[in-house]
Protein backbone atom coordinates (compact mmCIF):
# COMPACT_ATOMS: atom_id res chain seq x y z
CA MET A 1 75.18 191.61 68.90
CA SER A 2 78.14 193.46 70.31
CA LEU A 3 81.73 191.83 69.12
CA MET A 4 84.06 192.03 72.84
CA GLN A 5 87.02 189.79 73.98
CA ARG A 6 86.25 188.15 77.74
CA LEU A 7 87.88 186.23 80.23
CA GLU A 8 85.17 183.43 81.37
CA MET A 9 85.95 180.25 83.43
CA ARG A 10 83.63 177.38 82.80
CA GLN A 11 83.59 173.83 84.38
CA GLY A 12 82.52 170.49 81.98
CA GLN A 13 84.32 167.24 82.25
CA ALA A 14 86.50 165.15 79.24
CA LEU A 15 88.49 161.73 79.37
CA VAL A 16 91.86 162.01 78.87
CA MET A 17 93.87 159.39 77.68
CA THR A 18 97.04 159.53 79.57
CA PRO A 19 100.12 158.11 78.65
CA GLN A 20 99.34 155.59 81.46
CA LEU A 21 96.34 154.64 79.77
CA LEU A 22 97.64 153.70 76.69
CA GLN A 23 100.40 151.53 78.44
CA ALA A 24 97.59 149.15 79.72
CA ILE A 25 95.70 149.51 76.95
CA LYS A 26 98.05 148.31 74.65
CA LEU A 27 99.24 146.03 76.94
CA LEU A 28 95.69 144.31 76.90
CA GLN A 29 95.97 143.30 73.68
CA LEU A 30 99.37 141.75 72.93
CA SER A 31 99.91 138.22 72.15
CA GLN A 32 102.20 136.47 74.86
CA LEU A 33 105.15 137.03 72.33
CA ASP A 34 104.42 140.61 71.76
CA LEU A 35 103.96 140.68 75.99
CA ALA A 36 107.26 139.64 76.14
CA ALA A 37 109.10 141.52 73.53
CA TYR A 38 108.29 144.63 75.28
CA VAL A 39 108.79 143.10 79.29
CA GLU A 40 112.22 142.57 77.98
CA ALA A 41 112.44 146.28 76.28
CA GLU A 42 111.31 147.55 79.41
CA LEU A 43 113.77 145.87 81.19
CA GLU A 44 116.77 146.55 79.59
CA ARG A 45 115.46 150.62 79.46
CA ASN A 46 114.67 150.73 83.53
CA PRO A 47 117.02 150.16 85.60
CA LEU A 48 114.36 149.76 88.68
CA LEU A 49 113.44 147.08 86.83
CA GLU A 50 113.89 143.32 87.85
CA ARG A 51 112.89 140.26 86.54
CA VAL A 52 111.33 137.45 88.90
CA GLU A 53 113.24 134.04 88.32
CA GLY A 54 111.68 131.39 89.84
CA ALA A 55 109.66 133.21 92.18
CA GLY A 56 108.77 131.30 95.08
CA PRO A 57 109.14 131.37 98.77
CA ASP A 58 112.51 129.49 99.40
CA ALA A 59 114.05 129.85 95.60
CA ALA A 60 116.81 132.16 96.70
CA GLU A 61 119.08 133.81 99.07
CA PRO A 62 118.95 137.32 99.58
CA HIS A 63 121.03 139.90 97.43
CA GLU A 64 123.26 140.67 99.22
CA SER A 65 124.51 139.76 102.87
CA GLY A 66 123.63 142.04 105.50
CA ALA A 67 121.49 144.19 102.80
CA GLU A 68 118.44 145.69 103.70
CA PRO A 69 115.66 143.67 101.27
CA ARG A 70 114.54 145.17 98.82
CA GLU A 71 110.80 146.09 98.65
CA SER A 72 108.26 146.45 95.56
CA ALA A 73 106.64 149.48 95.00
CA ALA A 74 104.07 147.59 92.55
CA PHE A 75 101.19 146.36 95.23
CA GLU A 76 102.02 148.28 98.61
CA GLY A 77 105.76 147.69 98.77
CA ALA A 78 105.67 144.07 98.05
CA ASP A 79 106.66 141.83 94.61
CA GLU A 80 102.82 140.21 93.93
CA ALA A 81 104.30 137.09 91.77
CA TRP A 82 100.50 136.05 91.86
CA SER A 83 98.22 133.16 89.96
CA GLY A 84 94.48 133.86 89.50
CA THR A 85 92.06 130.47 89.14
CA ALA A 86 87.97 130.74 89.47
CA GLU A 87 85.87 128.21 89.67
CA LEU A 88 82.73 128.38 88.06
CA ASP A 89 79.69 125.86 88.29
CA PRO A 90 77.09 125.15 85.39
CA GLY A 91 74.36 124.20 87.79
CA ARG A 92 74.50 127.20 89.66
CA GLY A 93 75.88 129.83 87.28
CA GLU A 94 77.35 131.78 89.93
CA ILE A 95 81.75 132.23 90.15
CA GLU A 96 83.68 132.14 92.73
CA THR A 97 86.89 133.59 92.04
CA GLY A 98 89.74 133.73 94.24
CA PHE A 99 94.01 134.77 94.37
CA GLU A 100 96.52 133.12 95.62
CA THR A 101 98.89 135.83 96.70
CA ARG A 102 102.98 135.40 97.83
CA LEU A 103 104.66 138.16 99.39
CA ASP A 104 108.12 137.81 98.98
CA ASN A 105 111.15 139.22 97.97
CA VAL A 106 113.16 137.07 95.56
CA PHE A 107 116.55 137.76 93.97
CA PRO A 108 118.95 135.82 92.06
CA ASP A 109 121.93 135.08 94.15
CA ASP A 110 125.05 137.06 92.21
CA THR A 111 127.02 137.24 94.69
CA PRO A 112 130.82 136.12 93.50
CA ALA A 113 131.67 132.24 94.43
CA PRO A 114 134.18 131.75 97.47
CA ALA A 115 138.09 132.14 96.81
CA ARG A 116 140.20 128.66 97.73
CA GLU A 117 144.24 128.60 98.40
CA THR A 118 146.29 126.70 96.01
CA ALA A 119 148.82 125.22 97.51
CA SER A 120 151.76 127.63 95.87
CA GLY A 121 149.67 130.15 98.25
CA ASP A 122 147.83 131.60 94.90
CA MET A 123 143.95 132.81 94.89
CA LEU A 124 141.53 129.92 93.43
CA SER A 125 137.99 131.24 92.37
CA LEU A 126 135.76 128.66 91.84
CA THR A 127 133.60 130.71 89.27
CA PRO A 128 133.97 128.59 85.80
CA ALA A 129 135.56 130.68 82.88
CA PRO A 130 132.77 132.15 80.32
CA TYR A 131 133.02 130.90 77.19
CA GLY A 132 135.57 132.27 74.59
CA SER A 133 137.33 132.95 77.12
CA THR A 134 141.08 132.84 76.80
CA GLY A 135 144.63 132.65 79.52
CA GLY A 136 142.45 132.42 82.30
CA SER A 137 140.89 135.65 81.66
CA PHE A 138 137.34 137.18 83.08
CA ASP A 139 137.09 139.81 81.21
CA ALA A 140 136.42 138.66 78.14
CA GLU A 141 132.84 138.33 77.26
CA ALA A 142 130.72 135.40 75.70
CA PRO A 143 129.60 135.27 71.95
CA ASP A 144 126.76 136.03 71.37
CA PHE A 145 124.31 132.43 71.67
CA GLU A 146 122.85 133.25 68.19
CA ALA A 147 126.23 133.88 66.30
CA THR A 148 126.88 129.95 67.16
CA LEU A 149 123.33 128.87 65.23
CA THR A 150 123.88 127.97 61.73
CA ALA A 151 121.34 129.81 59.45
CA GLU A 152 118.72 128.17 57.05
CA THR A 153 119.23 127.89 52.71
CA SER A 154 116.80 129.88 51.18
CA LEU A 155 115.77 128.51 47.61
CA ARG A 156 117.58 131.38 45.81
CA GLU A 157 120.62 130.26 47.34
CA HIS A 158 120.14 126.75 47.12
CA LEU A 159 119.86 127.40 43.00
CA ALA A 160 122.61 129.73 42.67
CA SER A 161 124.87 127.72 43.64
CA GLN A 162 124.06 124.99 41.72
CA LEU A 163 124.02 126.78 38.70
CA GLU A 164 127.52 128.29 39.66
CA LEU A 165 128.26 124.64 39.35
CA ALA A 166 126.36 123.68 36.28
CA THR A 167 127.70 127.03 33.91
CA SER A 168 130.62 128.71 34.31
CA ASP A 169 129.43 131.26 31.27
CA PRO A 170 129.28 134.80 32.69
CA VAL A 171 126.63 135.36 30.22
CA ASP A 172 125.02 132.11 31.01
CA ARG A 173 125.14 132.94 35.18
CA LEU A 174 123.94 136.52 34.19
CA ILE A 175 120.79 135.12 32.75
CA GLY A 176 120.16 132.34 35.53
CA GLY A 177 121.15 134.81 38.47
CA PHE A 178 118.02 136.66 36.88
CA LEU A 179 115.61 133.97 36.70
CA ILE A 180 116.11 132.64 39.98
CA ASP A 181 115.59 135.86 41.64
CA ALA A 182 112.08 135.86 39.22
CA VAL A 183 111.23 132.55 41.32
CA ASP A 184 108.90 132.71 43.81
CA GLU A 185 108.15 131.35 47.15
CA ALA A 186 105.91 128.14 45.45
CA GLY A 187 108.97 127.67 43.12
CA TYR A 188 107.63 129.24 40.16
CA ILE A 189 108.68 131.72 37.69
CA ARG A 190 106.34 134.23 36.42
CA GLU A 191 107.79 136.83 34.28
CA SER A 192 107.31 135.98 30.80
CA LEU A 193 110.51 134.79 28.88
CA ASP A 194 109.90 137.80 26.28
CA GLY A 195 109.95 140.80 29.08
CA VAL A 196 113.15 138.80 30.56
CA ALA A 197 115.42 138.55 26.99
CA GLU A 198 114.46 142.53 26.53
CA ARG A 199 115.07 143.44 29.95
CA LEU A 200 118.56 141.93 29.53
CA GLY A 201 119.09 142.15 25.93
CA ALA A 202 119.74 138.51 25.20
CA THR A 203 118.04 136.30 22.38
CA LEU A 204 114.97 134.17 23.95
CA ASP A 205 116.08 131.07 22.89
CA ARG A 206 119.07 131.93 25.15
CA VAL A 207 117.12 132.27 27.69
CA ALA A 208 115.09 129.61 26.80
CA GLY A 209 117.93 127.38 27.39
CA ILE A 210 119.37 128.94 30.96
CA LEU A 211 115.03 128.02 32.10
CA THR A 212 115.75 125.07 30.93
CA LEU A 213 119.17 124.28 32.30
CA ILE A 214 117.72 125.56 35.74
CA GLN A 215 114.47 123.58 35.92
CA GLY A 216 117.00 120.33 35.59
CA PHE A 217 118.25 121.59 39.56
CA ASP A 218 116.56 120.59 42.48
CA PRO A 219 114.21 120.66 43.77
CA SER A 220 112.06 118.95 40.86
CA GLY A 221 109.84 121.09 38.99
CA VAL A 222 111.63 124.21 40.21
CA GLY A 223 111.28 127.01 37.39
CA ALA A 224 108.08 126.08 36.39
CA ARG A 225 105.87 128.68 34.82
CA ASP A 226 102.50 126.64 35.70
CA LEU A 227 101.20 123.71 37.59
CA ALA A 228 101.34 122.19 34.49
CA GLU A 229 104.75 122.30 33.82
CA CYS A 230 105.82 121.77 36.97
CA LEU A 231 104.21 117.98 37.08
CA ALA A 232 105.80 117.63 33.49
CA ILE A 233 108.78 118.36 34.77
CA GLN A 234 108.79 116.24 38.22
CA LEU A 235 107.13 113.05 35.58
CA ARG A 236 109.89 113.15 33.22
CA GLU A 237 112.20 112.86 35.68
CA LYS A 238 110.67 109.94 36.47
CA ASP A 239 110.64 108.70 32.95
CA ARG A 240 106.71 108.38 33.18
CA PHE A 241 105.84 111.11 30.88
CA ASP A 242 104.51 108.91 28.33
CA PRO A 243 101.64 110.00 25.77
CA ALA A 244 98.62 109.35 27.88
CA MET A 245 100.36 110.82 31.03
CA GLN A 246 101.20 113.69 29.02
CA ALA A 247 97.53 113.67 27.45
CA LEU A 248 96.40 113.88 31.42
CA VAL A 249 98.47 117.07 32.54
CA SER A 250 96.80 118.83 30.08
CA ARG A 251 93.38 118.87 31.51
CA LEU A 252 93.87 119.03 35.06
CA ASP A 253 90.70 120.82 34.97
CA LEU A 254 88.92 117.43 33.92
CA VAL A 255 90.83 116.43 37.45
CA ALA A 256 89.75 118.42 39.85
CA LYS A 257 85.77 118.28 37.91
CA ARG A 258 86.38 114.76 38.96
CA ASP A 259 85.30 113.79 35.25
CA PHE A 260 86.42 110.35 35.20
CA ALA A 261 84.77 109.58 31.78
CA ALA A 262 86.07 111.91 30.40
CA LEU A 263 89.55 111.09 31.28
CA ARG A 264 89.30 107.66 30.28
CA ARG A 265 88.51 108.85 26.77
CA LEU A 266 91.12 111.08 26.88
CA CYS A 267 94.65 109.32 28.01
CA GLY A 268 92.79 105.91 25.93
CA VAL A 269 93.26 104.21 29.30
CA ASP A 270 90.73 101.92 31.48
CA ASP A 271 89.95 102.08 35.12
CA GLU A 272 92.99 100.40 36.95
CA ASP A 273 95.09 102.17 34.86
CA LEU A 274 93.79 105.96 35.52
CA VAL A 275 93.58 105.05 39.06
CA GLU A 276 97.03 104.46 39.11
CA MET A 277 97.91 107.56 36.41
CA LEU A 278 96.30 109.78 39.26
CA GLY A 279 98.16 108.29 41.99
CA GLU A 280 101.02 109.24 40.81
CA ILE A 281 100.31 112.72 40.59
CA ARG A 282 99.09 112.86 43.47
CA ARG A 283 102.45 111.50 44.71
CA LEU A 284 104.07 114.65 42.78
CA GLU A 285 105.08 118.43 45.03
CA PRO A 286 102.93 120.73 43.19
CA LYS A 287 105.38 124.12 44.92
CA PRO A 288 108.45 122.60 44.96
CA GLY A 289 110.03 125.66 46.61
CA ARG A 290 107.79 124.93 49.62
CA ALA A 291 110.84 122.98 52.20
CA PHE A 292 112.34 125.60 51.31
CA GLY A 293 110.25 128.94 51.64
CA ALA A 294 107.80 127.43 54.81
CA SER A 295 107.76 129.75 57.44
CA ALA A 296 108.42 128.14 61.40
CA VAL A 297 104.85 126.18 62.58
CA GLU A 298 103.74 128.52 65.35
CA VAL A 299 102.58 126.63 68.65
CA LEU A 300 99.18 128.60 69.72
CA ILE A 301 99.86 128.36 73.83
CA PRO A 302 97.11 128.80 76.28
CA ASP A 303 96.60 131.90 77.87
CA VAL A 304 94.20 130.77 80.18
CA PHE A 305 93.36 126.36 81.53
CA VAL A 306 90.37 124.94 81.94
CA ARG A 307 89.54 122.02 83.56
CA PRO A 308 86.48 120.46 85.11
CA ALA A 309 86.57 120.47 89.06
CA PRO A 310 85.68 116.49 90.78
CA ASP A 311 82.33 118.32 92.02
CA GLY A 312 81.14 119.14 88.25
CA SER A 313 82.26 122.38 88.25
CA TRP A 314 84.93 124.52 85.55
CA LEU A 315 88.21 125.70 87.33
CA VAL A 316 89.26 128.75 84.85
CA GLU A 317 92.94 129.31 85.32
CA LEU A 318 95.31 131.20 83.98
CA ASN A 319 98.84 129.93 82.31
CA SER A 320 101.50 130.95 85.03
CA GLU A 321 104.07 130.02 82.49
CA THR A 322 102.77 132.75 79.78
CA LEU A 323 102.84 136.01 82.84
CA PRO A 324 105.79 137.94 82.61
CA ARG A 325 106.81 138.58 86.68
CA VAL A 326 108.47 142.07 86.80
CA LEU A 327 109.75 143.67 90.46
CA VAL A 328 110.65 147.19 91.47
CA ASN A 329 113.80 147.25 93.06
CA GLN A 330 113.32 149.65 95.84
CA SER A 331 116.25 149.37 97.64
CA TYR A 332 118.41 150.33 94.90
CA TYR A 333 116.45 153.38 93.80
CA ALA A 334 116.84 154.74 97.98
CA ARG A 335 120.94 154.23 97.13
CA VAL A 336 121.39 155.66 93.58
CA THR A 337 118.76 158.90 94.76
CA ARG A 338 121.51 159.76 97.77
CA GLY A 339 124.53 159.73 95.58
CA ALA A 340 122.44 161.61 93.05
CA ALA A 341 123.93 164.64 92.75
CA SER A 342 121.93 167.30 90.17
CA ASP A 343 118.14 167.30 89.70
CA THR A 344 118.29 165.49 86.01
CA ASP A 345 119.32 162.57 87.54
CA LYS A 346 116.92 163.18 90.64
CA ALA A 347 113.70 163.23 87.68
CA PHE A 348 115.28 160.48 85.59
CA LEU A 349 114.74 158.04 88.53
CA SER A 350 111.48 159.28 89.51
CA ASP A 351 110.51 158.90 85.85
CA CYS A 352 111.89 155.24 86.45
CA LEU A 353 110.13 154.46 89.35
CA GLN A 354 106.86 155.78 88.64
CA THR A 355 107.21 153.49 84.93
CA ALA A 356 108.13 150.38 86.43
CA ASN A 357 105.23 150.82 89.46
CA TRP A 358 102.89 151.54 86.63
CA LEU A 359 103.53 148.55 84.98
CA THR A 360 103.42 146.18 87.69
CA ARG A 361 100.31 147.20 87.97
CA SER A 362 99.34 147.40 84.32
CA LEU A 363 100.80 143.54 84.23
CA GLU A 364 98.58 142.20 86.79
CA GLN A 365 95.25 144.00 85.91
CA ARG A 366 95.75 142.67 82.28
CA ALA A 367 95.95 139.00 84.43
CA ARG A 368 92.81 139.54 85.81
CA THR A 369 91.33 140.48 82.84
CA ILE A 370 92.12 138.26 81.11
CA LEU A 371 91.08 135.27 83.56
CA LYS A 372 87.62 137.71 84.32
CA VAL A 373 86.41 137.50 80.20
CA ALA A 374 87.61 133.63 80.32
CA THR A 375 85.53 132.69 83.10
CA GLU A 376 82.51 134.45 81.60
CA ILE A 377 83.25 132.80 77.52
CA VAL A 378 83.66 128.96 80.35
CA ARG A 379 79.96 130.32 81.65
CA GLN A 380 77.78 130.88 78.74
CA GLN A 381 79.45 127.99 76.41
CA ASP A 382 79.51 125.50 79.27
CA GLY A 383 77.00 123.56 76.72
CA PHE A 384 80.13 123.18 74.33
CA PHE A 385 82.91 121.83 76.77
CA LEU A 386 80.92 119.82 78.04
CA HIS A 387 78.90 117.78 74.52
CA GLY A 388 81.29 119.62 72.03
CA VAL A 389 81.08 121.51 68.99
CA THR A 390 76.63 120.94 68.69
CA HIS A 391 75.88 122.71 71.81
CA LEU A 392 77.57 125.19 70.90
CA ARG A 393 76.37 128.62 71.34
CA PRO A 394 75.76 132.55 69.39
CA LEU A 395 78.30 134.56 71.74
CA ASN A 396 78.90 138.05 70.98
CA LEU A 397 80.89 140.72 72.46
CA LYS A 398 78.10 142.64 74.24
CA THR A 399 76.62 139.34 76.29
CA VAL A 400 79.91 139.21 77.89
CA ALA A 401 80.97 142.79 78.12
CA GLU A 402 77.18 143.17 80.00
CA ALA A 403 77.82 140.20 81.46
CA ILE A 404 81.44 141.40 83.75
CA GLY A 405 80.76 145.25 83.51
CA MET A 406 82.65 146.56 80.89
CA HIS A 407 82.87 147.82 77.47
CA GLU A 408 82.49 146.15 74.51
CA SER A 409 86.72 146.86 72.95
CA THR A 410 88.02 145.67 76.14
CA VAL A 411 86.28 142.54 75.97
CA SER A 412 87.34 143.21 71.41
CA ARG A 413 90.99 144.10 72.78
CA VAL A 414 91.48 140.84 75.80
CA THR A 415 90.08 137.99 73.16
CA SER A 416 92.27 139.57 70.73
CA ASN A 417 95.48 137.00 70.14
CA LYS A 418 94.60 134.94 73.22
CA ALA A 419 93.80 131.17 73.63
CA ILE A 420 91.68 129.17 75.81
CA GLY A 421 93.47 125.62 76.57
CA THR A 422 91.05 123.09 76.89
CA SER A 423 90.03 118.96 76.94
CA ARG A 424 88.51 119.61 73.10
CA GLY A 425 92.37 121.14 72.43
CA THR A 426 93.59 124.77 72.41
CA LEU A 427 91.04 126.86 70.91
CA GLU A 428 91.26 131.02 70.12
CA MET A 429 88.51 133.00 72.33
CA LYS A 430 87.41 134.72 69.14
CA TYR A 431 86.19 130.82 68.29
CA PHE A 432 83.05 130.76 70.80
CA PHE A 433 82.03 134.26 68.95
CA THR A 434 79.68 133.12 66.15
CA ALA A 435 76.86 134.91 64.34
CA ALA A 436 73.14 133.27 65.66
CA ILE A 437 70.85 131.79 63.01
CA PRO A 438 67.44 131.94 63.94
CA GLY A 439 65.47 128.73 64.86
CA ALA A 440 63.10 127.96 62.99
CA ALA A 441 59.49 128.37 64.72
CA GLY A 442 59.70 130.29 67.42
CA ALA A 443 63.26 127.67 68.51
CA ALA A 444 66.00 128.94 69.85
CA ALA A 445 68.55 130.61 67.87
CA HIS A 446 71.66 128.32 66.58
CA SER A 447 75.54 128.83 66.58
CA SER A 448 76.96 129.53 62.99
CA GLU A 449 79.49 127.28 63.72
CA ALA A 450 77.74 124.65 65.22
CA VAL A 451 75.22 124.75 62.09
CA ARG A 452 78.69 124.15 59.64
CA TYR A 453 79.45 121.16 61.46
CA ARG A 454 76.04 119.86 61.19
CA ILE A 455 76.14 120.55 57.22
CA LYS A 456 79.98 118.51 57.47
CA GLN A 457 78.27 115.85 59.33
CA LEU A 458 74.90 115.12 56.71
CA VAL A 459 77.85 115.37 53.62
CA ASP A 460 79.79 112.88 55.30
CA ALA A 461 76.94 110.46 55.79
CA GLU A 462 75.59 110.57 52.45
CA THR A 463 75.53 107.27 50.12
CA PRO A 464 75.93 106.92 46.61
CA ASP A 465 72.45 106.32 46.00
CA ASP A 466 71.61 110.00 48.52
CA VAL A 467 73.40 112.87 47.58
CA LEU A 468 72.59 116.13 48.92
CA SER A 469 71.96 119.28 47.34
CA ASP A 470 72.14 122.42 49.21
CA ASP A 471 67.99 123.17 49.12
CA ALA A 472 68.37 119.50 50.62
CA LEU A 473 70.73 120.25 52.97
CA VAL A 474 68.25 123.18 54.06
CA GLN A 475 65.02 120.77 54.49
CA LYS A 476 66.99 118.97 56.66
CA LEU A 477 68.44 121.19 58.94
CA ARG A 478 65.17 123.03 58.59
CA SER A 479 63.27 119.73 60.24
CA GLU A 480 66.07 120.59 63.07
CA GLY A 481 64.82 123.37 64.25
CA VAL A 482 67.06 125.08 62.05
CA ASP A 483 65.99 128.49 59.47
CA ILE A 484 68.64 129.22 57.38
CA ALA A 485 69.21 130.04 53.33
CA ARG A 486 69.92 127.93 50.62
CA ARG A 487 72.90 131.00 49.59
CA THR A 488 74.14 130.62 53.27
CA VAL A 489 74.54 126.75 53.04
CA ALA A 490 76.53 127.51 49.97
CA LYS A 491 79.05 129.68 51.46
CA TYR A 492 79.25 127.20 54.76
CA ARG A 493 80.20 124.17 52.47
CA GLU A 494 82.34 126.21 50.45
CA SER A 495 83.96 127.49 53.76
CA LEU A 496 84.37 123.58 54.68
CA ARG A 497 86.17 123.11 50.79
CA ILE A 498 83.14 120.28 49.99
CA PRO A 499 82.43 119.99 46.43
CA SER A 500 78.96 120.70 44.97
CA SER A 501 77.00 117.55 44.85
CA ILE A 502 77.25 117.16 41.18
CA GLU A 503 81.19 116.15 41.90
CA ARG A 504 80.32 114.00 44.99
CA ARG A 505 77.82 112.27 43.05
CA ARG A 506 80.41 111.20 40.73
CA GLU A 507 82.95 110.42 43.28
CA ARG A 508 80.27 107.99 45.92
CA TYR A 509 78.73 106.75 42.58
CA ALA A 510 83.22 105.92 41.84
CA GLN A 511 83.05 104.19 45.30
CA GLY A 512 80.80 102.32 45.24
CA GLY A 513 79.00 101.80 42.31
CA THR A 514 80.81 99.03 40.01
CA GLN A 515 83.43 96.68 40.13
CA GLY A 516 85.66 99.36 39.60
CA GLY A 517 84.40 101.32 42.02
CA SER A 518 86.57 100.60 44.48
CA GLN A 519 89.71 101.81 42.02
CA GLY A 520 86.84 105.15 41.34
CA GLY A 521 87.00 105.94 44.74
CA ALA A 522 90.54 105.94 44.97
CA ALA A 523 91.32 108.50 42.21
CA ALA A 524 88.28 110.19 43.39
CA LEU A 525 90.41 110.47 47.56
CA ALA A 526 93.87 110.82 45.42
CA LEU A 527 92.51 114.23 43.94
CA ARG A 528 91.85 115.94 47.47
């Protein structure tokens, strides 16, 4: 074996992740909001990109009178503001796809408004003055719209404003501010008073007194250390914290177990009074800070729409309202390139043009891929769209990937943060991918979501004399051709928030037992 240095030439293949490929992969898995933010950032960064507002054949006039038309370098020199549709026939199992393409260059008309001559000979522009301008000047910029919006008051600010009115002692305000900072989003204080007193160097009685003061603030029940104290504060304000109610609040574990007999003995009341007491507890707010700490509700906007066609097939189309439309301003690029003085400026413009072209291609490819994957999902789950969740079939990423000739990772990125709008509601794409539960005696496999829905149907159909245990649910499902284990039934039942058979039996008995059964049923409903 000899050790020596030499030069060799070898030929091989390697997969290189170029920046453009990384960008395309990133765009594929972005949600609508993230994609809009990304495109907005690119529009601000790249001077050659422009947004298309209301693209259409007659949406706008040319940008400048006598100027050459601007071309998009994205798709053979034209801006392709397109919408894709796919027609699927579940009977034939064939997919016919088509794309309507509009090749037009649309630019907003930013030509200044014409001016007219006044009686005094002055020229008066017809363009309205910007908001906030003074003295007829058009140079002042309008303020940001977000600066005119009012901010929502947080729970801490709401409590701090009440503390300033409740006490003027600086020490009490210091202790109260510390306790208010310890209040979580639900309105509870989780820190111990001993620890607060030791940290602030105050007496325990003074800290407890300030806590009592805070517990009298709005919202009612704020500053409690547990659920029982929160309910007790609200009941005291309603003057309903009598000995019977105090005994009921002290044993919330029996309320959760629906042990009505033990609650009647503990409180010393009859069925009618117990129903009334449980109803009062149900009307209380277990999380006082929820009104302040709740985040804004986000509406799930579908990326794809599925609707039935007159011939019985399915029409799958992209939601054009969520597709960002941008184009490349080629005429502007030609003008600034002619005026570029240095090689650095030319290199910058060339890089901007390449980035803009790749972004438009990536957006177009993303839309086509989403439509392709959604069409295959509809073809695989046509039973769901026809008959509902009971006909949802087992489906995984590999099946869809093999059917459309893509990799599983690509399908996974497409289905992340995407939704499909159907006649049965707007559902996430991931909803249609469910695990398979084998069928009994060689029958076809069943979707886990369909089995979970069947368990809910069986429980809803129970009677007081026939409450199904987990073993009984297993036997019924096996009689219907579903081979499922008892622990799987228990897991599905818990995921549906269905109580155990013992708790359901108590509830059913209270609903349909004696004369007070209707009252007991109301009590059970009050605990849900």
